[in-house]
Every structure is written in C-alpha cells, then in structure tokens.
Amino acid sequence: MINVRETELLVQAIERQLGRALAPQVRHAFLQMPRHLFVPQYYEQRGNSLSWDLVQANPEKIYRDEALVTQIDGRGIPSSTNSQP
C-alpha cells in the first residue's frame, strides 16, 4: 500500500527545496513508487561515533528527503544506503 500522505509531503518538500515543481513524469513516479517497500529498516548513527542503532522503518522517517543507511560493514562504516530522493 502506498503511503499517499507521506509521499505527497515528500514531493512537496522536494519542490520547495528546488523552488519549482517537478516534471510531471518525475512527480508521477514519486507518487507511484512506495519507498517504504525498499527500506523495512535502517541504521541511525549515535552522535559522531561509529555506533549505530537498527531502527524499524516508520513513514515519517522513510518519506523524508534524505538518504538512509541500510547496511553497516564490520568496521562500523556505512556500506549501503537508500539514496536521497
């Protein structure tokens, strides 16, 4: 199920940051692609250290205009992310 409200808020935030509307095809793609299906969980960094907390995804975080760390290597360094929209 697509989180319509969260997706629309994400699109609006991106458009505000750009200072213009997205191209209709791009806007349509954002509104049709449920980002939460690709990020069931992610890591949040604790302060400035290489310590991380594994967090279960929630719509408020998933639909922000930011990259999310999805994998940490053995040294505590991010090795995979879900790209910033």
PDB file of N, CA and C in Angstrom:
ATOM      1  N   MET A   1       0.835  -1.184   0.000  1.00  0.00           N
ATOM      2  CA  MET A   1       0.000   0.000   0.000  1.00  0.00           C
ATOM      3  C   MET A   1       0.882   1.251   0.000  1.00  0.00           C
ATOM      4  N   ILE A   2       0.603   2.169  -0.869  1.00  0.00           N
ATOM      5  CA  ILE A   2       1.367   3.404  -0.968  1.00  0.00           C
ATOM      6  C   ILE A   2       0.900   4.370   0.110  1.00  0.00           C
ATOM      7  N   ASN A   3       1.854   4.974   0.815  1.00  0.00           N
ATOM      8  CA  ASN A   3       1.537   5.986   1.817  1.00  0.00           C
ATOM      9  C   ASN A   3       1.350   7.310   1.102  1.00  0.00           C
ATOM     10  N   VAL A   4       0.141   7.569   0.649  1.00  0.00           N
ATOM     11  CA  VAL A   4      -0.148   8.728  -0.179  1.00  0.00           C
ATOM     12  C   VAL A   4       0.199  10.028   0.532  1.00  0.00           C
ATOM     13  N   ARG A   5      -0.208  10.163   1.768  1.00  0.00           N
ATOM     14  CA  ARG A   5       0.041  11.404   2.501  1.00  0.00           C
ATOM     15  C   ARG A   5       1.538  11.673   2.628  1.00  0.00           C
ATOM     16  N   GLU A   6       2.289  10.671   3.091  1.00  0.00           N
ATOM     17  CA  GLU A   6       3.721  10.843   3.281  1.00  0.00           C
ATOM     18  C   GLU A   6       4.439  11.095   1.959  1.00  0.00           C
ATOM     19  N   THR A   7       4.024  10.383   0.915  1.00  0.00           N
ATOM     20  CA  THR A   7       4.644  10.562  -0.392  1.00  0.00           C
ATOM     21  C   THR A   7       4.382  11.959  -0.927  1.00  0.00           C
ATOM     22  N   GLU A   8       3.176  12.442  -0.789  1.00  0.00           N
ATOM     23  CA  GLU A   8       2.832  13.787  -1.251  1.00  0.00           C
ATOM     24  C   GLU A   8       3.630  14.840  -0.475  1.00  0.00           C
ATOM     25  N   LEU A   9       3.775  14.649   0.826  1.00  0.00           N
ATOM     26  CA  LEU A   9       4.567  15.587   1.630  1.00  0.00           C
ATOM     27  C   LEU A   9       6.033  15.582   1.192  1.00  0.00           C
ATOM     28  N   LEU A  10       6.568  14.404   0.865  1.00  0.00           N
ATOM     29  CA  LEU A  10       7.941  14.317   0.361  1.00  0.00           C
ATOM     30  C   LEU A  10       8.086  15.079  -0.950  1.00  0.00           C
ATOM     31  N   VAL A  11       7.169  14.871  -1.868  1.00  0.00           N
ATOM     32  CA  VAL A  11       7.208  15.566  -3.154  1.00  0.00           C
ATOM     33  C   VAL A  11       7.126  17.079  -2.944  1.00  0.00           C
ATOM     34  N   GLN A  12       6.255  17.512  -2.081  1.00  0.00           N
ATOM     35  CA  GLN A  12       6.131  18.949  -1.808  1.00  0.00           C
ATOM     36  C   GLN A  12       7.414  19.519  -1.212  1.00  0.00           C
ATOM     37  N   ALA A  13       8.061  18.772  -0.320  1.00  0.00           N
ATOM     38  CA  ALA A  13       9.321  19.228   0.281  1.00  0.00           C
ATOM     39  C   ALA A  13      10.414  19.353  -0.771  1.00  0.00           C
ATOM     40  N   ILE A  14      10.487  18.389  -1.676  1.00  0.00           N
ATOM     41  CA  ILE A  14      11.482  18.441  -2.753  1.00  0.00           C
ATOM     42  C   ILE A  14      11.209  19.643  -3.652  1.00  0.00           C
ATOM     43  N   GLU A  15       9.958  19.867  -3.976  1.00  0.00           N
ATOM     44  CA  GLU A  15       9.605  21.010  -4.839  1.00  0.00           C
ATOM     45  C   GLU A  15       9.914  22.337  -4.151  1.00  0.00           C
ATOM     46  N   ARG A  16       9.668  22.426  -2.857  1.00  0.00           N
ATOM     47  CA  ARG A  16      10.019  23.659  -2.118  1.00  0.00           C
ATOM     48  C   ARG A  16      11.522  23.896  -2.157  1.00  0.00           C
ATOM     49  N   GLN A  17      12.282  22.843  -1.942  1.00  0.00           N
ATOM     50  CA  GLN A  17      13.735  22.964  -1.947  1.00  0.00           C
ATOM     51  C   GLN A  17      14.250  23.386  -3.327  1.00  0.00           C
ATOM     52  N   LEU A  18      13.640  22.845  -4.372  1.00  0.00           N
ATOM     53  CA  LEU A  18      14.037  23.204  -5.737  1.00  0.00           C
ATOM     54  C   LEU A  18      13.538  24.590  -6.139  1.00  0.00           C
ATOM     55  N   GLY A  19      12.462  25.035  -5.506  1.00  0.00           N
ATOM     56  CA  GLY A  19      11.858  26.308  -5.879  1.00  0.00           C
ATOM     57  C   GLY A  19      11.031  26.219  -7.146  1.00  0.00           C
ATOM     58  N   ARG A  20      10.639  25.009  -7.482  1.00  0.00           N
ATOM     59  CA  ARG A  20       9.817  24.788  -8.684  1.00  0.00           C
ATOM     60  C   ARG A  20       9.162  23.414  -8.595  1.00  0.00           C
ATOM     61  N   ALA A  21       8.175  23.222  -9.446  1.00  0.00           N
ATOM     62  CA  ALA A  21       7.503  21.923  -9.500  1.00  0.00           C
ATOM     63  C   ALA A  21       8.384  20.905 -10.218  1.00  0.00           C
ATOM     64  N   LEU A  22       8.268  19.663  -9.807  1.00  0.00           N
ATOM     65  CA  LEU A  22       8.939  18.585 -10.525  1.00  0.00           C
ATOM     66  C   LEU A  22       8.276  18.390 -11.878  1.00  0.00           C
ATOM     67  N   ALA A  23       9.005  17.837 -12.812  1.00  0.00           N
ATOM     68  CA  ALA A  23       8.418  17.480 -14.109  1.00  0.00           C
ATOM     69  C   ALA A  23       7.275  16.500 -13.847  1.00  0.00           C
ATOM     70  N   PRO A  24       6.203  16.584 -14.610  1.00  0.00           N
ATOM     71  CA  PRO A  24       5.055  15.708 -14.363  1.00  0.00           C
ATOM     72  C   PRO A  24       5.411  14.219 -14.291  1.00  0.00           C
ATOM     73  N   GLN A  25       6.315  13.766 -15.158  1.00  0.00           N
ATOM     74  CA  GLN A  25       6.696  12.347 -15.149  1.00  0.00           C
ATOM     75  C   GLN A  25       7.434  11.981 -13.858  1.00  0.00           C
ATOM     76  N   VAL A  26       8.288  12.869 -13.371  1.00  0.00           N
ATOM     77  CA  VAL A  26       9.043  12.620 -12.143  1.00  0.00           C
ATOM     78  C   VAL A  26       8.096  12.641 -10.949  1.00  0.00           C
ATOM     79  N   ARG A  27       7.222  13.617 -10.919  1.00  0.00           N
ATOM     80  CA  ARG A  27       6.243  13.713  -9.824  1.00  0.00           C
ATOM     81  C   ARG A  27       5.385  12.451  -9.778  1.00  0.00           C
ATOM     82  N   HIS A  28       4.935  11.996 -10.929  1.00  0.00           N
ATOM     83  CA  HIS A  28       4.116  10.789 -11.016  1.00  0.00           C
ATOM     84  C   HIS A  28       4.901   9.571 -10.493  1.00  0.00           C
ATOM     85  N   ALA A  29       6.173   9.465 -10.875  1.00  0.00           N
ATOM     86  CA  ALA A  29       6.992   8.335 -10.421  1.00  0.00           C
ATOM     87  C   ALA A  29       7.126   8.340  -8.894  1.00  0.00           C
ATOM     88  N   PHE A  30       7.398   9.504  -8.299  1.00  0.00           N
ATOM     89  CA  PHE A  30       7.497   9.594  -6.844  1.00  0.00           C
ATOM     90  C   PHE A  30       6.189   9.180  -6.188  1.00  0.00           C
ATOM     91  N   LEU A  31       5.076   9.629  -6.733  1.00  0.00           N
ATOM     92  CA  LEU A  31       3.776   9.344  -6.124  1.00  0.00           C
ATOM     93  C   LEU A  31       3.357   7.885  -6.285  1.00  0.00           C
ATOM     94  N   GLN A  32       3.905   7.199  -7.284  1.00  0.00           N
ATOM     95  CA  GLN A  32       3.517   5.806  -7.526  1.00  0.00           C
ATOM     96  C   GLN A  32       4.463   4.785  -6.892  1.00  0.00           C
ATOM     97  N   MET A  33       5.669   5.196  -6.525  1.00  0.00           N
ATOM     98  CA  MET A  33       6.659   4.257  -6.000  1.00  0.00           C
ATOM     99  C   MET A  33       6.690   4.305  -4.478  1.00  0.00           C
ATOM    100  N   PRO A  34       6.252   3.257  -3.810  1.00  0.00           N
ATOM    101  CA  PRO A  34       6.225   3.239  -2.348  1.00  0.00           C
ATOM    102  C   PRO A  34       7.621   2.992  -1.761  1.00  0.00           C
ATOM    103  N   ARG A  35       8.268   4.031  -1.301  1.00  0.00           N
ATOM    104  CA  ARG A  35       9.638   3.945  -0.790  1.00  0.00           C
ATOM    105  C   ARG A  35       9.751   2.982   0.399  1.00  0.00           C
ATOM    106  N   HIS A  36       8.711   2.886   1.198  1.00  0.00           N
ATOM    107  CA  HIS A  36       8.776   2.039   2.394  1.00  0.00           C
ATOM    108  C   HIS A  36       8.988   0.560   2.070  1.00  0.00           C
ATOM    109  N   LEU A  37       8.641   0.135   0.863  1.00  0.00           N
ATOM    110  CA  LEU A  37       8.848  -1.268   0.489  1.00  0.00           C
ATOM    111  C   LEU A  37      10.330  -1.594   0.328  1.00  0.00           C
ATOM    112  N   PHE A  38      11.144  -0.582   0.088  1.00  0.00           N
ATOM    113  CA  PHE A  38      12.566  -0.780  -0.138  1.00  0.00           C
ATOM    114  C   PHE A  38      13.394  -0.579   1.127  1.00  0.00           C
ATOM    115  N   VAL A  39      12.784  -0.057   2.179  1.00  0.00           N
ATOM    116  CA  VAL A  39      13.518   0.249   3.413  1.00  0.00           C
ATOM    117  C   VAL A  39      12.705  -0.238   4.625  1.00  0.00           C
ATOM    118  N   PRO A  40      12.736  -1.543   4.899  1.00  0.00           N
ATOM    119  CA  PRO A  40      11.996  -2.038   6.057  1.00  0.00           C
ATOM    120  C   PRO A  40      12.665  -1.654   7.378  1.00  0.00           C
ATOM    121  N   GLN A  41      13.968  -1.412   7.317  1.00  0.00           N
ATOM    122  CA  GLN A  41      14.722  -0.977   8.491  1.00  0.00           C
ATOM    123  C   GLN A  41      15.951  -0.218   8.009  1.00  0.00           C
ATOM    124  N   TYR A  42      16.550   0.544   8.902  1.00  0.00           N
ATOM    125  CA  TYR A  42      17.726   1.339   8.555  1.00  0.00           C
ATOM    126  C   TYR A  42      18.517   1.597   9.823  1.00  0.00           C
ATOM    127  N   TYR A  43      19.685   2.175   9.679  1.00  0.00           N
ATOM    128  CA  TYR A  43      20.544   2.465  10.825  1.00  0.00           C
ATOM    129  C   TYR A  43      20.593   3.965  11.068  1.00  0.00           C
ATOM    130  N   GLU A  44      20.573   4.337  12.346  1.00  0.00           N
ATOM    131  CA  GLU A  44      20.757   5.730  12.745  1.00  0.00           C
ATOM    132  C   GLU A  44      22.037   5.808  13.564  1.00  0.00           C
ATOM    133  N   GLN A  45      22.868   6.786  13.236  1.00  0.00           N
ATOM    134  CA  GLN A  45      24.129   6.959  13.933  1.00  0.00           C
ATOM    135  C   GLN A  45      23.911   7.580  15.307  1.00  0.00           C
ATOM    136  N   ARG A  46      24.662   7.096  16.290  1.00  0.00           N
ATOM    137  CA  ARG A  46      24.621   7.667  17.643  1.00  0.00           C
ATOM    138  C   ARG A  46      25.706   8.734  17.744  1.00  0.00           C
ATOM    139  N   GLY A  47      25.302   9.974  17.707  1.00  0.00           N
ATOM    140  CA  GLY A  47      26.253  11.079  17.811  1.00  0.00           C
ATOM    141  C   GLY A  47      27.256  11.077  16.674  1.00  0.00           C
ATOM    142  N   ASN A  48      28.519  11.366  16.991  1.00  0.00           N
ATOM    143  CA  ASN A  48      29.575  11.406  15.977  1.00  0.00           C
ATOM    144  C   ASN A  48      30.424  10.148  15.966  1.00  0.00           C
ATOM    145  N   SER A  49      30.017   9.129  16.717  1.00  0.00           N
ATOM    146  CA  SER A  49      30.783   7.889  16.788  1.00  0.00           C
ATOM    147  C   SER A  49      30.375   6.952  15.654  1.00  0.00           C
ATOM    148  N   LEU A  50      31.076   5.835  15.552  1.00  0.00           N
ATOM    149  CA  LEU A  50      30.692   4.825  14.576  1.00  0.00           C
ATOM    150  C   LEU A  50      29.817   3.765  15.253  1.00  0.00           C
ATOM    151  N   SER A  51      28.917   4.237  16.102  1.00  0.00           N
ATOM    152  CA  SER A  51      27.941   3.374  16.753  1.00  0.00           C
ATOM    153  C   SER A  51      26.587   3.617  16.099  1.00  0.00           C
ATOM    154  N   TRP A  52      25.867   2.545  15.863  1.00  0.00           N
ATOM    155  CA  TRP A  52      24.621   2.628  15.111  1.00  0.00           C
ATOM    156  C   TRP A  52      23.503   1.882  15.810  1.00  0.00           C
ATOM    157  N   ASP A  53      22.283   2.377  15.664  1.00  0.00           N
ATOM    158  CA  ASP A  53      21.085   1.701  16.147  1.00  0.00           C
ATOM    159  C   ASP A  53      20.288   1.233  14.940  1.00  0.00           C
ATOM    160  N   LEU A  54      19.858  -0.022  14.961  1.00  0.00           N
ATOM    161  CA  LEU A  54      18.987  -0.540  13.917  1.00  0.00           C
ATOM    162  C   LEU A  54      17.565  -0.115  14.246  1.00  0.00           C
ATOM    163  N   VAL A  55      16.912   0.546  13.302  1.00  0.00           N
ATOM    164  CA  VAL A  55      15.583   1.120  13.525  1.00  0.00           C
ATOM    165  C   VAL A  55      14.590   0.502  12.539  1.00  0.00           C
ATOM    166  N   GLN A  56      13.431   0.111  13.047  1.00  0.00           N
ATOM    167  CA  GLN A  56      12.370  -0.355  12.164  1.00  0.00           C
ATOM    168  C   GLN A  56      11.777   0.857  11.443  1.00  0.00           C
ATOM    169  N   ALA A  57      11.537   0.717  10.179  1.00  0.00           N
ATOM    170  CA  ALA A  57      11.057   1.832   9.359  1.00  0.00           C
ATOM    171  C   ALA A  57       9.716   2.352   9.861  1.00  0.00           C
ATOM    172  N   ASN A  58       9.562   3.669   9.745  1.00  0.00           N
ATOM    173  CA  ASN A  58       8.273   4.301  10.006  1.00  0.00           C
ATOM    174  C   ASN A  58       8.078   5.358   8.920  1.00  0.00           C
ATOM    175  N   PRO A  59       6.846   5.597   8.505  1.00  0.00           N
ATOM    176  CA  PRO A  59       6.585   6.507   7.382  1.00  0.00           C
ATOM    177  C   PRO A  59       7.167   7.905   7.559  1.00  0.00           C
ATOM    178  N   GLU A  60       7.164   8.436   8.780  1.00  0.00           N
ATOM    179  CA  GLU A  60       7.672   9.789   8.983  1.00  0.00           C
ATOM    180  C   GLU A  60       9.136   9.903   8.601  1.00  0.00           C
ATOM    181  N   LYS A  61       9.921   8.870   8.850  1.00  0.00           N
ATOM    182  CA  LYS A  61      11.350   8.897   8.534  1.00  0.00           C
ATOM    183  C   LYS A  61      11.610   8.478   7.083  1.00  0.00           C
ATOM    184  N   ILE A  62      10.940   7.438   6.642  1.00  0.00           N
ATOM    185  CA  ILE A  62      11.173   6.898   5.300  1.00  0.00           C
ATOM    186  C   ILE A  62      10.873   7.927   4.216  1.00  0.00           C
ATOM    187  N   TYR A  63       9.866   8.745   4.433  1.00  0.00           N
ATOM    188  CA  TYR A  63       9.455   9.689   3.404  1.00  0.00           C
ATOM    189  C   TYR A  63      10.049  11.086   3.604  1.00  0.00           C
ATOM    190  N   ARG A  64      11.211  11.170   4.222  1.00  0.00           N
ATOM    191  CA  ARG A  64      11.951  12.435   4.295  1.00  0.00           C
ATOM    192  C   ARG A  64      12.919  12.491   3.126  1.00  0.00           C
ATOM    193  N   ASP A  65      13.338  13.674   2.803  1.00  0.00           N
ATOM    194  CA  ASP A  65      14.262  13.875   1.686  1.00  0.00           C
ATOM    195  C   ASP A  65      15.700  13.696   2.170  1.00  0.00           C
ATOM    196  N   GLU A  66      16.033  12.454   2.527  1.00  0.00           N
ATOM    197  CA  GLU A  66      17.383  12.152   2.983  1.00  0.00           C
ATOM    198  C   GLU A  66      17.719  10.694   2.700  1.00  0.00           C
ATOM    199  N   ALA A  67      19.021  10.424   2.585  1.00  0.00           N
ATOM    200  CA  ALA A  67      19.475   9.043   2.401  1.00  0.00           C
ATOM    201  C   ALA A  67      19.360   8.309   3.735  1.00  0.00           C
ATOM    202  N   LEU A  68      19.130   7.010   3.672  1.00  0.00           N
ATOM    203  CA  LEU A  68      19.033   6.184   4.873  1.00  0.00           C
ATOM    204  C   LEU A  68      20.071   5.068   4.779  1.00  0.00           C
ATOM    205  N   VAL A  69      20.849   4.902   5.826  1.00  0.00           N
ATOM    206  CA  VAL A  69      21.866   3.846   5.874  1.00  0.00           C
ATOM    207  C   VAL A  69      21.164   2.513   6.079  1.00  0.00           C
ATOM    208  N   THR A  70      21.400   1.566   5.175  1.00  0.00           N
ATOM    209  CA  THR A  70      20.721   0.274   5.245  1.00  0.00           C
ATOM    210  C   THR A  70      21.665  -0.881   5.558  1.00  0.00           C
ATOM    211  N   GLN A  71      22.978  -0.613   5.534  1.00  0.00           N
ATOM    212  CA  GLN A  71      23.937  -1.667   5.840  1.00  0.00           C
ATOM    213  C   GLN A  71      25.202  -1.047   6.429  1.00  0.00           C
ATOM    214  N   ILE A  72      25.760  -1.722   7.433  1.00  0.00           N
ATOM    215  CA  ILE A  72      26.988  -1.292   8.104  1.00  0.00           C
ATOM    216  C   ILE A  72      28.010  -2.419   7.947  1.00  0.00           C
ATOM    217  N   ASP A  73      29.262  -2.060   7.614  1.00  0.00           N
ATOM    218  CA  ASP A  73      30.279  -3.106   7.495  1.00  0.00           C
ATOM    219  C   ASP A  73      30.858  -3.459   8.865  1.00  0.00           C
ATOM    220  N   GLY A  74      31.782  -4.384   8.908  1.00  0.00           N
ATOM    221  CA  GLY A  74      32.359  -4.862  10.153  1.00  0.00           C
ATOM    222  C   GLY A  74      33.116  -3.812  10.937  1.00  0.00           C
ATOM    223  N   ARG A  75      33.505  -2.716  10.293  1.00  0.00           N
ATOM    224  CA  ARG A  75      34.224  -1.637  10.975  1.00  0.00           C
ATOM    225  C   ARG A  75      33.284  -0.548  11.485  1.00  0.00           C
ATOM    226  N   GLY A  76      31.976  -0.702  11.215  1.00  0.00           N
ATOM    227  CA  GLY A  76      31.007   0.301  11.650  1.00  0.00           C
ATOM    228  C   GLY A  76      30.820   1.424  10.654  1.00  0.00           C
ATOM    229  N   ILE A  77      31.226   1.194   9.415  1.00  0.00           N
ATOM    230  CA  ILE A  77      31.121   2.216   8.366  1.00  0.00           C
ATOM    231  C   ILE A  77      29.967   1.854   7.434  1.00  0.00           C
ATOM    232  N   PRO A  78      29.116   2.823   7.082  1.00  0.00           N
ATOM    233  CA  PRO A  78      28.014   2.531   6.163  1.00  0.00           C
ATOM    234  C   PRO A  78      28.534   1.954   4.847  1.00  0.00           C
ATOM    235  N   SER A  79      27.912   0.870   4.406  1.00  0.00           N
ATOM    236  CA  SER A  79      28.320   0.241   3.145  1.00  0.00           C
ATOM    237  C   SER A  79      27.184   0.188   2.131  1.00  0.00           C
ATOM    238  N   SER A  80      25.991   0.635   2.545  1.00  0.00           N
ATOM    239  CA  SER A  80      24.865   0.690   1.620  1.00  0.00           C
ATOM    240  C   SER A  80      23.837   1.671   2.162  1.00  0.00           C
ATOM    241  N   THR A  81      23.206   2.412   1.240  1.00  0.00           N
ATOM    242  CA  THR A  81      22.152   3.341   1.628  1.00  0.00           C
ATOM    243  C   THR A  81      21.004   3.267   0.652  1.00  0.00           C
ATOM    244  N   ASN A  82      19.861   3.742   1.108  1.00  0.00           N
ATOM    245  CA  ASN A  82      18.743   4.011   0.219  1.00  0.00           C
ATOM    246  C   ASN A  82      18.914   5.473  -0.135  1.00  0.00           C
ATOM    247  N   SER A  83      19.152   5.758  -1.382  1.00  0.00           N
ATOM    248  CA  SER A  83      19.515   7.105  -1.816  1.00  0.00           C
ATOM    249  C   SER A  83      18.499   8.160  -1.450  1.00  0.00           C
ATOM    250  N   GLN A  84      19.007   9.367  -1.304  1.00  0.00           N
ATOM    251  CA  GLN A  84      18.132  10.522  -1.063  1.00  0.00           C
ATOM    252  C   GLN A  84      17.282  10.729  -2.312  1.00  0.00           C
ATOM    253  N   PRO A  85      15.978  10.922  -2.124  1.00  0.00           N
ATOM    254  CA  PRO A  85      15.110  11.127  -3.289  1.00  0.00           C
ATOM    255  C   PRO A  85      15.549  12.326  -4.098  1.00  0.00           C
TER     256      PRO A  85
END
